[in-house]
Amino acid sequence: MTADDDFQVGPGETAATTHAVYAQLRARCPVAHTTSLGGFFALTRHADVARAAADPARFTTTVQNVVPKVAYTGRRPPLHLDPPEHTPYRAALNPLLSAERVAALEPMVREVIGETLQPLLQRGGGDLCGDFSARFPVRVFGRWMNLDEHLTAQLMDAGPAFIRSVQAFDSESMKSTSLVLYDMARSLLRQRRAAPLPADQDPVSALLAARVDVDGVPTPLPEEMIVGTVRQVLVVGIVAPMVMIGSIALHLAGDRALHRRLREAPQRLPDAVEEFLRLYSPYRGFARTPLQDTEIGGRVIPQGEAVALTYASANRDEDVFDDPDRFVLGRPNIHEHLAFGRGPHFCAGAHLARLELRVALEALVREVDEIHIDGPVLYCPYPEIGPYQVPTRLVLA
């Protein structure tokens, strides 16, 4: 077997066909290569993915953090930096995304999700991605970031526009839509410099207030790096909830017994969210680059080659999860899943993502008796895995 014939990425893939390929690779070629999307290696087993994600000394995120490469318009901490450079940015943002702070956001999240879902309930259906799960995360992030109405409305257009350009592999559109988001980030910085908010209540103010030691002198973070961080934050929490809710809706449409069980036992919703995250991880995987020739699974990955950490495959690894393609409510080792990554780049917004998914799932199973798929389902290309269009007919409870 040569490196170039391990697997290929092509149009027309669905989540099912992709997972079938990953299962084959885990069995016969767990460290695989493709010439697609510029060429990259893919780690498919849980142990290899977890080890690489937690080892920035060997696998850097500073060269390429996703497949295909989409960062054409600047460095965006903390995702594009390794420790210790990334640490001040995480230290500024993490307190605003702690379990305690996110718990306090639940009334707002419930309000936003309820308002966003209501038009679909009134119409008896619609695209659960485009009309619901692509919209409520923008409003939630807008509230969390204290955006004014103008910037929230702008983000409602600009965020999905950037995401569509990535899904289309359109590099020119990626650049132009990303620059719009950069302009928004700079506008937001100007607002906060003119009228700062408390650093413990606002992410941009927290970044502006952060200091790093430079030769013994407390020094502000570089402005362009703050701009890059804000640009990253503006869209990082939009895609995953959209894809996850689409996958959950497809699953519930085919498993009405689970739908009824979750309505009757809402205390099981957190367990359900974790199993949905494992089974339908929204990202095929972020990318790293080895800093030296590195042997994994008997295969040498040359220094400088892109490596995809395929969380979606790792979360269905038969060596870790029994009957991995089946939804198991209350799976005993569920917290070994890698949907939020591992190591220094573990998702800072994991608590908020879990809250959004739990509240959205609760609303769906409470308000809707049956979900029927009512048209063609469209699936994301790299780097996401799952649907971005799920047309439905909803039978209300």
Protein backbone atom coordinates (compact mmCIF):
# COMPACT_ATOMS: atom_id res chain seq x y z
CA MET A 1 0.00 0.00 0.00
CA THR A 2 1.36 3.42 -0.89
CA ALA A 3 0.63 6.57 1.06
CA ASP A 4 -1.40 8.06 -1.77
CA ASP A 5 -4.00 5.31 -1.99
CA ASP A 6 -5.14 5.05 1.64
CA PHE A 7 -8.33 7.08 1.17
CA GLN A 8 -9.81 9.92 -0.83
CA VAL A 9 -12.12 12.77 0.10
CA GLY A 10 -14.75 13.58 -2.48
CA PRO A 11 -18.11 15.23 -3.08
CA GLY A 12 -21.34 13.48 -2.20
CA GLU A 13 -20.18 12.11 1.14
CA THR A 14 -22.64 11.69 3.97
CA ALA A 15 -21.96 11.10 7.65
CA ALA A 16 -22.71 7.40 7.15
CA THR A 17 -20.29 6.95 4.25
CA THR A 18 -17.57 8.90 6.05
CA HIS A 19 -17.91 6.79 9.19
CA ALA A 20 -17.76 3.63 7.08
CA VAL A 21 -14.43 4.82 5.64
CA TYR A 22 -13.12 5.63 9.11
CA ALA A 23 -14.07 2.15 10.37
CA GLN A 24 -12.14 0.59 7.50
CA LEU A 25 -9.12 2.81 8.18
CA ARG A 26 -9.10 2.02 11.90
CA ALA A 27 -9.02 -1.67 11.01
CA ARG A 28 -6.44 -1.71 8.19
CA CYS A 29 -4.62 1.65 8.11
CA PRO A 30 -5.13 3.72 11.28
CA VAL A 31 -2.55 6.31 10.19
CA ALA A 32 -3.80 7.09 6.70
CA HIS A 33 -2.93 9.53 3.94
CA THR A 34 -4.86 11.27 1.21
CA THR A 35 -3.86 13.54 -1.64
CA SER A 36 -7.25 15.29 -1.36
CA LEU A 37 -7.55 18.87 -0.07
CA GLY A 38 -3.86 19.56 -0.52
CA GLY A 39 -2.80 16.26 1.03
CA PHE A 40 -2.72 15.28 4.69
CA PHE A 41 -2.32 12.37 7.07
CA ALA A 42 -5.23 11.31 9.29
CA LEU A 43 -5.04 9.71 12.73
CA THR A 44 -8.16 7.59 13.20
CA ARG A 45 -7.70 5.74 16.50
CA HIS A 46 -8.68 7.22 19.85
CA ALA A 47 -5.31 6.68 21.53
CA ASP A 48 -3.33 8.30 18.69
CA VAL A 49 -5.68 11.27 18.39
CA ALA A 50 -5.74 11.91 22.15
CA ARG A 51 -1.95 11.62 22.42
CA ALA A 52 -1.24 14.01 19.55
CA ALA A 53 -3.83 16.56 20.70
CA ALA A 54 -2.20 16.70 24.14
CA ASP A 55 1.38 17.02 22.85
CA PRO A 56 2.08 20.51 21.45
CA ALA A 57 5.81 19.89 21.83
CA ARG A 58 5.62 17.39 18.95
CA PHE A 59 2.48 18.50 17.10
CA THR A 60 2.07 22.23 16.60
CA THR A 61 -1.10 24.12 15.76
CA THR A 62 0.82 27.17 14.56
CA VAL A 63 1.21 26.00 10.93
CA GLN A 64 -2.26 24.68 10.13
CA ASN A 65 -5.10 24.09 12.57
CA VAL A 66 -7.75 22.65 10.26
CA VAL A 67 -8.12 20.65 7.04
CA PRO A 68 -8.47 22.18 4.52
CA LYS A 69 -6.32 25.15 5.46
CA VAL A 70 -8.58 28.18 5.77
CA ALA A 71 -6.56 30.73 7.77
CA TYR A 72 -5.59 33.16 5.03
CA THR A 73 -6.12 36.44 6.84
CA GLY A 74 -4.03 36.49 10.01
CA ARG A 75 -3.14 34.77 13.28
CA ARG A 76 -6.08 34.09 15.56
CA PRO A 77 -5.20 33.21 19.15
CA PRO A 78 -5.60 31.04 21.06
CA LEU A 79 -6.33 28.38 18.42
CA HIS A 80 -3.39 29.33 16.20
CA LEU A 81 -0.81 29.42 19.01
CA ASP A 82 0.76 26.78 21.24
CA PRO A 83 1.59 27.19 24.93
CA PRO A 84 2.98 29.36 26.37
CA GLU A 85 2.07 31.95 23.71
CA HIS A 86 -1.60 30.97 23.70
CA THR A 87 -1.97 30.93 27.49
CA PRO A 88 -2.67 34.64 28.18
CA TYR A 89 -5.57 34.59 25.70
CA ARG A 90 -7.10 31.49 27.28
CA ALA A 91 -6.52 32.96 30.74
CA ALA A 92 -8.51 36.05 29.74
CA LEU A 93 -11.42 34.09 28.21
CA ASN A 94 -11.67 31.01 30.42
CA PRO A 95 -13.25 32.72 33.46
CA LEU A 96 -16.06 34.01 31.23
CA LEU A 97 -16.76 30.45 30.08
CA SER A 98 -16.44 28.65 33.41
CA ALA A 99 -19.14 26.25 34.56
CA GLU A 100 -20.39 28.77 37.10
CA ARG A 101 -20.57 31.67 34.63
CA VAL A 102 -22.24 29.55 31.95
CA ALA A 103 -24.83 28.29 34.44
CA ALA A 104 -25.83 31.90 35.03
CA LEU A 105 -26.47 32.26 31.28
CA GLU A 106 -29.13 29.54 31.21
CA PRO A 107 -32.17 31.88 31.44
CA MET A 108 -30.84 33.90 28.49
CA VAL A 109 -30.07 30.75 26.48
CA ARG A 110 -33.58 29.42 27.14
CA GLU A 111 -35.10 32.71 26.03
CA VAL A 112 -33.08 32.85 22.80
CA ILE A 113 -33.68 29.21 21.89
CA GLY A 114 -37.39 29.45 22.65
CA GLU A 115 -37.78 32.57 20.50
CA THR A 116 -35.79 31.06 17.62
CA LEU A 117 -37.70 27.78 17.64
CA GLN A 118 -41.17 29.36 17.85
CA PRO A 119 -41.54 30.25 14.12
CA LEU A 120 -40.81 26.64 13.13
CA LEU A 121 -43.40 25.39 15.60
CA GLN A 122 -45.95 27.84 14.24
CA ARG A 123 -45.25 26.76 10.65
CA GLY A 124 -45.18 23.09 11.54
CA GLY A 125 -41.67 22.62 10.25
CA GLY A 126 -38.73 24.09 8.41
CA ASP A 127 -34.99 23.63 8.09
CA LEU A 128 -33.85 22.79 11.62
CA CYS A 129 -30.33 23.87 10.68
CA GLY A 130 -30.83 26.99 8.59
CA ASP A 131 -33.89 28.27 10.46
CA PHE A 132 -32.94 27.22 13.98
CA SER A 133 -29.53 25.85 14.90
CA ALA A 134 -27.60 28.21 12.62
CA ARG A 135 -29.37 31.18 14.19
CA PHE A 136 -29.66 30.74 17.93
CA PRO A 137 -25.88 30.37 18.55
CA VAL A 138 -25.29 33.75 16.88
CA ARG A 139 -27.79 35.40 19.21
CA VAL A 140 -26.36 33.61 22.25
CA PHE A 141 -22.82 34.65 21.35
CA GLY A 142 -24.01 38.16 20.66
CA ARG A 143 -25.47 38.37 24.17
CA TRP A 144 -22.39 36.77 25.75
CA MET A 145 -20.11 39.23 23.93
CA ASN A 146 -22.37 42.19 24.75
CA LEU A 147 -22.73 43.09 21.07
CA ASP A 148 -25.07 45.92 20.17
CA GLU A 149 -28.01 45.19 17.87
CA HIS A 150 -26.14 46.42 14.79
CA LEU A 151 -23.16 44.08 15.28
CA THR A 152 -25.41 41.14 16.19
CA ALA A 153 -27.40 41.64 12.99
CA GLN A 154 -24.16 41.94 11.02
CA LEU A 155 -22.83 38.73 12.59
CA MET A 156 -26.06 36.95 11.67
CA ASP A 157 -25.09 37.52 8.02
CA ALA A 158 -21.30 37.54 8.15
CA GLY A 159 -20.79 34.40 10.25
CA PRO A 160 -22.84 32.05 8.04
CA ALA A 161 -21.36 33.67 4.91
CA PHE A 162 -17.85 32.74 6.06
CA ILE A 163 -18.98 29.23 6.96
CA ARG A 164 -20.56 28.74 3.51
CA SER A 165 -17.33 29.82 1.83
CA VAL A 166 -15.36 27.26 3.87
CA GLN A 167 -17.84 24.53 2.98
CA ALA A 168 -17.48 25.45 -0.70
CA PHE A 169 -13.64 25.40 -0.49
CA ASP A 170 -13.76 28.87 -2.08
CA SER A 171 -10.49 30.49 -1.00
CA GLU A 172 -11.29 33.93 -2.41
CA SER A 173 -14.66 33.99 -0.67
CA MET A 174 -13.01 32.73 2.55
CA LYS A 175 -10.66 35.71 2.45
CA SER A 176 -13.32 38.30 1.70
CA THR A 177 -15.83 37.03 4.27
CA SER A 178 -13.08 36.65 6.87
CA LEU A 179 -12.04 40.26 6.32
CA VAL A 180 -15.61 41.35 7.07
CA LEU A 181 -15.34 39.55 10.40
CA TYR A 182 -11.99 41.26 11.05
CA ASP A 183 -13.63 44.63 10.42
CA MET A 184 -16.31 43.71 12.96
CA ALA A 185 -13.64 42.74 15.49
CA ARG A 186 -11.83 46.07 15.05
CA SER A 187 -15.11 47.95 15.41
CA LEU A 188 -15.81 46.10 18.64
CA LEU A 189 -12.34 46.92 19.98
CA ARG A 190 -12.90 50.61 19.25
CA GLN A 191 -16.19 50.47 21.14
CA ARG A 192 -14.59 48.83 24.19
CA ARG A 193 -11.65 51.22 24.24
CA ALA A 194 -14.07 54.14 24.18
CA ALA A 195 -16.42 52.60 26.74
CA PRO A 196 -14.86 49.67 28.61
CA LEU A 197 -17.02 47.09 30.32
CA PRO A 198 -15.99 45.14 33.45
CA ALA A 199 -13.31 42.60 32.49
CA ASP A 200 -15.11 39.88 34.42
CA GLN A 201 -18.24 40.39 32.33
CA ASP A 202 -17.00 41.03 28.81
CA PRO A 203 -14.52 39.01 26.70
CA VAL A 204 -13.15 41.94 24.69
CA SER A 205 -12.62 44.05 27.82
CA ALA A 206 -10.93 41.04 29.46
CA LEU A 207 -8.49 40.75 26.54
CA LEU A 208 -7.77 44.48 26.64
CA ALA A 209 -7.13 44.30 30.40
CA ALA A 210 -4.82 41.25 30.17
CA ARG A 211 -1.12 41.75 30.82
CA VAL A 212 1.92 39.61 30.08
CA ASP A 213 5.37 39.90 31.59
CA VAL A 214 7.92 41.35 29.15
CA ASP A 215 11.32 41.73 30.82
CA GLY A 216 9.63 42.31 34.15
CA VAL A 217 7.17 44.88 32.78
CA PRO A 218 3.39 44.11 32.69
CA THR A 219 2.55 44.64 29.02
CA PRO A 220 -0.79 44.62 27.14
CA LEU A 221 -1.42 41.93 24.57
CA PRO A 222 -0.60 43.02 20.98
CA GLU A 223 -3.62 44.75 19.46
CA GLU A 224 -3.61 42.74 16.23
CA MET A 225 -3.54 39.53 18.23
CA ILE A 226 -6.51 40.72 20.26
CA VAL A 227 -8.27 41.50 16.98
CA GLY A 228 -7.47 37.98 15.77
CA THR A 229 -8.82 36.48 19.00
CA VAL A 230 -12.07 38.43 18.74
CA ARG A 231 -12.36 37.46 15.07
CA GLN A 232 -11.95 33.81 16.08
CA VAL A 233 -14.49 34.04 18.88
CA LEU A 234 -17.09 35.64 16.60
CA VAL A 235 -17.60 32.43 14.60
CA VAL A 236 -16.03 29.58 16.56
CA GLY A 237 -19.27 28.73 18.36
CA ILE A 238 -21.65 28.90 15.40
CA VAL A 239 -20.90 25.84 13.26
CA ALA A 240 -20.79 23.02 15.79
CA PRO A 241 -24.27 23.61 17.30
CA MET A 242 -25.76 23.91 13.81
CA VAL A 243 -24.36 20.55 12.73
CA MET A 244 -25.06 18.85 16.06
CA ILE A 245 -28.75 19.83 16.13
CA GLY A 246 -29.09 18.63 12.54
CA SER A 247 -27.59 15.26 13.47
CA ILE A 248 -29.75 15.02 16.59
CA ALA A 249 -32.90 15.79 14.59
CA LEU A 250 -32.05 13.07 12.06
CA HIS A 251 -31.49 10.60 14.88
CA LEU A 252 -34.73 11.45 16.70
CA ALA A 253 -36.68 11.22 13.43
CA GLY A 254 -35.57 7.59 13.22
CA ASP A 255 -35.80 6.76 16.93
CA ARG A 256 -39.16 7.87 18.29
CA ALA A 257 -38.77 5.67 21.35
CA LEU A 258 -35.73 7.70 22.40
CA HIS A 259 -37.64 10.91 21.63
CA ARG A 260 -40.44 9.84 23.99
CA ARG A 261 -38.01 8.61 26.64
CA LEU A 262 -36.21 11.94 26.79
CA ARG A 263 -39.50 13.82 27.05
CA GLU A 264 -40.63 11.59 29.90
CA ALA A 265 -37.24 11.64 31.68
CA PRO A 266 -35.69 15.09 31.12
CA GLN A 267 -33.10 14.33 33.81
CA ARG A 268 -31.44 12.09 31.19
CA LEU A 269 -30.91 14.97 28.79
CA PRO A 270 -27.29 15.65 29.89
CA ASP A 271 -26.44 11.97 29.31
CA ALA A 272 -28.12 12.13 25.91
CA VAL A 273 -26.13 15.23 24.94
CA GLU A 274 -22.84 13.49 25.77
CA GLU A 275 -23.74 10.41 23.74
CA PHE A 276 -24.89 12.56 20.82
CA LEU A 277 -21.56 14.42 21.01
CA ARG A 278 -19.68 11.13 20.87
CA LEU A 279 -21.78 9.58 18.12
CA TYR A 280 -22.12 12.70 15.97
CA SER A 281 -18.97 14.70 16.71
CA PRO A 282 -19.41 17.79 14.54
CA TYR A 283 -15.77 18.06 13.47
CA ARG A 284 -13.91 15.41 11.55
CA GLY A 285 -10.88 16.81 13.30
CA PHE A 286 -8.59 19.76 13.71
CA ALA A 287 -5.10 19.71 12.25
CA ARG A 288 -1.60 19.67 13.64
CA THR A 289 1.86 19.64 12.07
CA PRO A 290 4.70 17.45 13.40
CA LEU A 291 7.83 19.40 14.29
CA GLN A 292 10.01 16.41 13.37
CA ASP A 293 9.61 13.09 11.58
CA THR A 294 7.26 11.16 13.85
CA GLU A 295 6.35 7.47 13.90
CA ILE A 296 2.79 6.58 14.84
CA GLY A 297 1.25 3.16 14.40
CA GLY A 298 4.27 1.93 12.46
CA ARG A 299 4.10 4.76 9.94
CA VAL A 300 6.44 7.73 9.72
CA ILE A 301 4.79 11.11 9.25
CA PRO A 302 7.37 13.53 7.81
CA GLN A 303 8.08 16.81 9.53
CA GLY A 304 5.87 19.61 8.23
CA GLU A 305 3.06 17.43 6.85
CA ALA A 306 -0.52 18.29 7.81
CA VAL A 307 -2.10 15.79 10.22
CA ALA A 308 -5.84 15.62 10.83
CA LEU A 309 -6.83 14.53 14.34
CA THR A 310 -10.06 12.80 13.39
CA TYR A 311 -12.14 13.16 16.54
CA ALA A 312 -15.16 11.78 14.70
CA SER A 313 -13.33 8.51 14.06
CA ALA A 314 -11.75 8.36 17.51
CA ASN A 315 -15.17 8.66 19.11
CA ARG A 316 -16.28 5.47 17.36
CA ASP A 317 -13.13 3.50 18.09
CA GLU A 318 -14.13 -0.09 18.87
CA ASP A 319 -11.19 -0.42 21.25
CA VAL A 320 -12.69 2.24 23.51
CA PHE A 321 -16.46 2.24 22.99
CA ASP A 322 -18.50 -0.97 22.84
CA ASP A 323 -20.91 -1.13 19.91
CA PRO A 324 -19.67 2.32 18.86
CA ASP A 325 -22.16 2.99 16.04
CA ARG A 326 -25.14 2.63 18.40
CA PHE A 327 -26.64 5.32 20.63
CA VAL A 328 -26.32 4.11 24.23
CA LEU A 329 -27.92 6.35 26.84
CA GLY A 330 -25.81 6.26 29.99
CA ARG A 331 -22.73 4.76 28.32
CA PRO A 332 -20.38 4.11 31.28
CA ASN A 333 -17.21 5.60 29.76
CA ILE A 334 -18.91 8.40 27.84
CA HIS A 335 -16.59 11.11 29.15
CA GLU A 336 -13.70 9.56 27.27
CA HIS A 337 -15.10 11.05 24.06
CA LEU A 338 -13.01 13.66 22.27
CA ALA A 339 -15.73 15.87 20.78
CA PHE A 340 -14.19 18.89 22.55
CA GLY A 341 -10.60 17.83 21.90
CA ARG A 342 -7.91 17.13 24.45
CA GLY A 343 -4.92 18.98 25.89
CA PRO A 344 -4.19 22.72 25.84
CA HIS A 345 -6.67 23.35 23.02
CA PHE A 346 -9.58 21.62 24.73
CA CYS A 347 -12.62 23.67 23.70
CA ALA A 348 -12.91 26.72 25.96
CA GLY A 349 -16.63 26.92 25.21
CA ALA A 350 -17.46 23.32 26.13
CA HIS A 351 -19.75 24.33 29.04
CA LEU A 352 -21.65 26.77 26.84
CA ALA A 353 -21.95 24.24 24.01
CA ARG A 354 -23.35 21.63 26.39
CA LEU A 355 -25.84 24.14 27.75
CA GLU A 356 -27.02 25.15 24.28
CA LEU A 357 -27.42 21.54 23.16
CA ARG A 358 -29.24 20.50 26.32
CA VAL A 359 -31.69 23.40 26.19
CA ALA A 360 -32.29 22.98 22.44
CA LEU A 361 -32.81 19.22 22.81
CA GLU A 362 -35.17 19.78 25.75
CA ALA A 363 -37.22 22.25 23.70
CA LEU A 364 -37.45 19.87 20.76
CA VAL A 365 -38.56 16.80 22.71
CA ARG A 366 -40.98 18.86 24.83
CA GLU A 367 -42.65 20.83 22.04
CA VAL A 368 -42.49 18.28 19.21
CA ASP A 369 -44.09 14.84 19.25
CA GLU A 370 -42.62 13.59 15.97
CA ILE A 371 -39.92 14.83 13.61
CA HIS A 372 -40.33 13.85 9.96
CA ILE A 373 -37.64 14.55 7.37
CA ASP A 374 -39.31 16.51 4.60
CA GLY A 375 -36.79 16.98 1.81
CA PRO A 376 -33.16 16.43 0.86
CA VAL A 377 -30.62 16.48 3.67
CA LEU A 378 -27.37 18.23 2.70
CA TYR A 379 -24.08 17.30 4.37
CA CYS A 380 -21.04 19.38 5.24
CA PRO A 381 -17.69 18.77 3.56
CA TYR A 382 -14.44 19.02 5.52
CA PRO A 383 -13.82 20.06 8.25
CA GLU A 384 -17.30 19.43 9.69
CA ILE A 385 -19.14 16.13 9.59
CA GLY A 386 -22.92 16.12 9.62
CA PRO A 387 -25.81 17.97 7.98
CA TYR A 388 -26.17 21.68 7.35
CA GLN A 389 -29.70 21.37 5.91
CA VAL A 390 -32.39 19.23 7.55
CA PRO A 391 -35.88 20.07 6.22
CA THR A 392 -38.55 18.80 8.59
CA ARG A 393 -42.24 18.48 9.20
CA LEU A 394 -42.95 18.79 12.90
CA VAL A 395 -45.90 17.14 14.65
CA LEU A 396 -46.41 19.17 17.80
CA ALA A 397 -46.82 17.59 21.20
